[in-house]
C-alpha atoms as a PDB file:
ATOM      1  CA  UNK A   1     -15.563  -5.045   6.717  1.00  0.00           C
ATOM      2  CA  UNK A   2     -17.750  -7.670   5.829  1.00  0.00           C
ATOM      3  CA  UNK A   3     -17.495 -10.923   4.629  1.00  0.00           C
ATOM      4  CA  UNK A   4     -18.158 -12.101   1.136  1.00  0.00           C
ATOM      5  CA  UNK A   5     -19.234 -15.290  -0.695  1.00  0.00           C
ATOM      6  CA  UNK A   6     -16.884 -16.504  -3.806  1.00  0.00           C
ATOM      7  CA  UNK A   7     -16.469 -19.602  -5.889  1.00  0.00           C
ATOM      8  CA  UNK A   8     -13.113 -20.611  -6.639  1.00  0.00           C
ATOM      9  CA  UNK A   9     -12.008 -21.878 -10.270  1.00  0.00           C
ATOM     10  CA  UNK A  10     -12.207 -25.498 -11.574  1.00  0.00           C
ATOM     11  CA  UNK A  11      -9.893 -27.568  -9.555  1.00  0.00           C
ATOM     12  CA  UNK A  12      -9.535 -25.409  -6.527  1.00  0.00           C
ATOM     13  CA  UNK A  13      -8.929 -27.097  -3.162  1.00  0.00           C
ATOM     14  CA  UNK A  14     -11.287 -27.507  -0.535  1.00  0.00           C
ATOM     15  CA  UNK A  15      -9.682 -25.030   1.990  1.00  0.00           C
ATOM     16  CA  UNK A  16      -7.868 -21.932   1.310  1.00  0.00           C
ATOM     17  CA  UNK A  17      -5.606 -19.655   3.539  1.00  0.00           C
ATOM     18  CA  UNK A  18      -5.497 -16.217   3.913  1.00  0.00           C
ATOM     19  CA  UNK A  19      -3.941 -13.793   6.463  1.00  0.00           C
ATOM     20  CA  UNK A  20      -2.764 -16.922   8.496  1.00  0.00           C
ATOM     21  CA  UNK A  21      -6.640 -18.458   8.578  1.00  0.00           C
ATOM     22  CA  UNK A  22      -8.082 -21.362   7.175  1.00  0.00           C
ATOM     23  CA  UNK A  23     -11.366 -21.395   5.159  1.00  0.00           C
ATOM     24  CA  UNK A  24     -13.467 -24.393   3.837  1.00  0.00           C
ATOM     25  CA  UNK A  25     -15.562 -24.740   1.096  1.00  0.00           C
ATOM     26  CA  UNK A  26     -19.417 -24.955   1.960  1.00  0.00           C
ATOM     27  CA  UNK A  27     -22.002 -27.414   0.368  1.00  0.00           C
ATOM     28  CA  UNK A  28     -22.864 -24.832  -2.486  1.00  0.00           C
ATOM     29  CA  UNK A  29     -19.111 -24.690  -2.977  1.00  0.00           C
ATOM     30  CA  UNK A  30     -18.409 -21.186  -1.817  1.00  0.00           C
ATOM     31  CA  UNK A  31     -15.916 -19.709   0.550  1.00  0.00           C
ATOM     32  CA  UNK A  32     -17.279 -16.997   3.235  1.00  0.00           C
ATOM     33  CA  UNK A  33     -13.788 -14.915   3.202  1.00  0.00           C
ATOM     34  CA  UNK A  34     -13.454 -11.436   4.423  1.00  0.00           C
ATOM     35  CA  UNK A  35     -13.526  -8.801   2.098  1.00  0.00           C
ATOM     36  CA  UNK A  36     -10.170  -8.077   1.942  1.00  0.00           C
ATOM     37  CA  UNK A  37      -9.079 -11.381   0.611  1.00  0.00           C
ATOM     38  CA  UNK A  38     -10.813 -10.397  -2.509  1.00  0.00           C
ATOM     39  CA  UNK A  39      -8.177  -8.886  -4.496  1.00  0.00           C
ATOM     40  CA  UNK A  40      -6.017 -11.670  -4.029  1.00  0.00           C
ATOM     41  CA  UNK A  41      -8.341 -14.425  -4.518  1.00  0.00           C
ATOM     42  CA  UNK A  42      -9.296 -12.882  -7.952  1.00  0.00           C
ATOM     43  CA  UNK A  43      -5.919 -12.655  -9.135  1.00  0.00           C
ATOM     44  CA  UNK A  44      -6.217 -16.732  -8.531  1.00  0.00           C
ATOM     45  CA  UNK A  45      -9.349 -17.168 -10.393  1.00  0.00           C
ATOM     46  CA  UNK A  46     -12.274 -16.750  -7.675  1.00  0.00           C
ATOM     47  CA  UNK A  47     -15.359 -14.760  -8.457  1.00  0.00           C
ATOM     48  CA  UNK A  48     -17.949 -13.439  -6.269  1.00  0.00           C
ATOM     49  CA  UNK A  49     -20.762 -15.709  -6.013  1.00  0.00           C
ATOM     50  CA  UNK A  50     -23.577 -14.522  -8.291  1.00  0.00           C
ATOM     51  CA  UNK A  51     -21.026 -13.453 -10.796  1.00  0.00           C
ATOM     52  CA  UNK A  52     -21.619 -14.414 -14.326  1.00  0.00           C
ATOM     53  CA  UNK A  53     -19.826 -17.793 -14.622  1.00  0.00           C
ATOM     54  CA  UNK A  54     -18.915 -16.961 -18.506  1.00  0.00           C
ATOM     55  CA  UNK A  55     -17.317 -13.916 -18.028  1.00  0.00           C
ATOM     56  CA  UNK A  56     -15.550 -15.109 -15.032  1.00  0.00           C
ATOM     57  CA  UNK A  57     -14.182 -18.099 -16.646  1.00  0.00           C
ATOM     58  CA  UNK A  58     -12.920 -16.437 -19.681  1.00  0.00           C
ATOM     59  CA  UNK A  59      -9.486 -16.243 -18.572  1.00  0.00           C
ATOM     60  CA  UNK A  60      -8.063 -19.598 -17.343  1.00  0.00           C
ATOM     61  CA  UNK A  61      -5.836 -19.119 -14.471  1.00  0.00           C
ATOM     62  CA  UNK A  62      -3.590 -21.335 -15.953  1.00  0.00           C
ATOM     63  CA  UNK A  63      -3.441 -19.635 -19.259  1.00  0.00           C
ATOM     64  CA  UNK A  64      -2.583 -16.425 -17.347  1.00  0.00           C
ATOM     65  CA  UNK A  65       0.112 -17.955 -15.553  1.00  0.00           C
ATOM     66  CA  UNK A  66       1.562 -19.286 -18.867  1.00  0.00           C
ATOM     67  CA  UNK A  67       1.373 -15.799 -20.371  1.00  0.00           C
ATOM     68  CA  UNK A  68       3.198 -14.155 -17.411  1.00  0.00           C
ATOM     69  CA  UNK A  69       6.032 -16.911 -17.515  1.00  0.00           C
ATOM     70  CA  UNK A  70       6.100 -16.400 -21.323  1.00  0.00           C
ATOM     71  CA  UNK A  71       6.595 -12.618 -21.103  1.00  0.00           C
ATOM     72  CA  UNK A  72       9.064 -13.029 -18.111  1.00  0.00           C
ATOM     73  CA  UNK A  73      11.192 -15.280 -20.380  1.00  0.00           C
ATOM     74  CA  UNK A  74      11.003 -12.787 -23.046  1.00  0.00           C
ATOM     75  CA  UNK A  75      12.079 -10.123 -21.332  1.00  0.00           C
ATOM     76  CA  UNK A  76      14.853 -12.174 -19.740  1.00  0.00           C
ATOM     77  CA  UNK A  77      16.113 -13.289 -23.409  1.00  0.00           C
ATOM     78  CA  UNK A  78      15.950  -9.847 -24.802  1.00  0.00           C
ATOM     79  CA  UNK A  79      18.329  -8.578 -21.903  1.00  0.00           C
ATOM     80  CA  UNK A  80      20.741 -11.018 -22.623  1.00  0.00           C
ATOM     81  CA  UNK A  81      20.421 -10.309 -26.317  1.00  0.00           C
ATOM     82  CA  UNK A  82      21.510  -6.457 -25.688  1.00  0.00           C
ATOM     83  CA  UNK A  83      23.930  -7.503 -23.152  1.00  0.00           C
ATOM     84  CA  UNK A  84      25.655  -9.649 -25.718  1.00  0.00           C
ATOM     85  CA  UNK A  85      25.621  -7.174 -28.498  1.00  0.00           C
ATOM     86  CA  UNK A  86      26.914  -4.238 -26.282  1.00  0.00           C
ATOM     87  CA  UNK A  87      29.684  -6.638 -25.659  1.00  0.00           C
ATOM     88  CA  UNK A  88      30.427  -6.731 -28.998  1.00  0.00           C
ATOM     89  CA  UNK A  89      30.744  -3.597 -29.892  1.00  0.00           C
END
């Protein structure tokens, strides 16, 4: 497939790695990467060049990670509580 230009989230490093290859940011702050990298980069807050920056930045990647960690902790605590409840029965 072809390459695409993406912009990293605020505070993004000037290089990234995908599938063993390194990519550097250009003068405009864009990375040119293989299309195959898009799905993974999107999960980390990258947006396609020309995307609406306001909509793209609506979800802060740090907030998303915090929510995922909170959900994981709550799931573990619920499992422990359920196990403790069944052990007392």
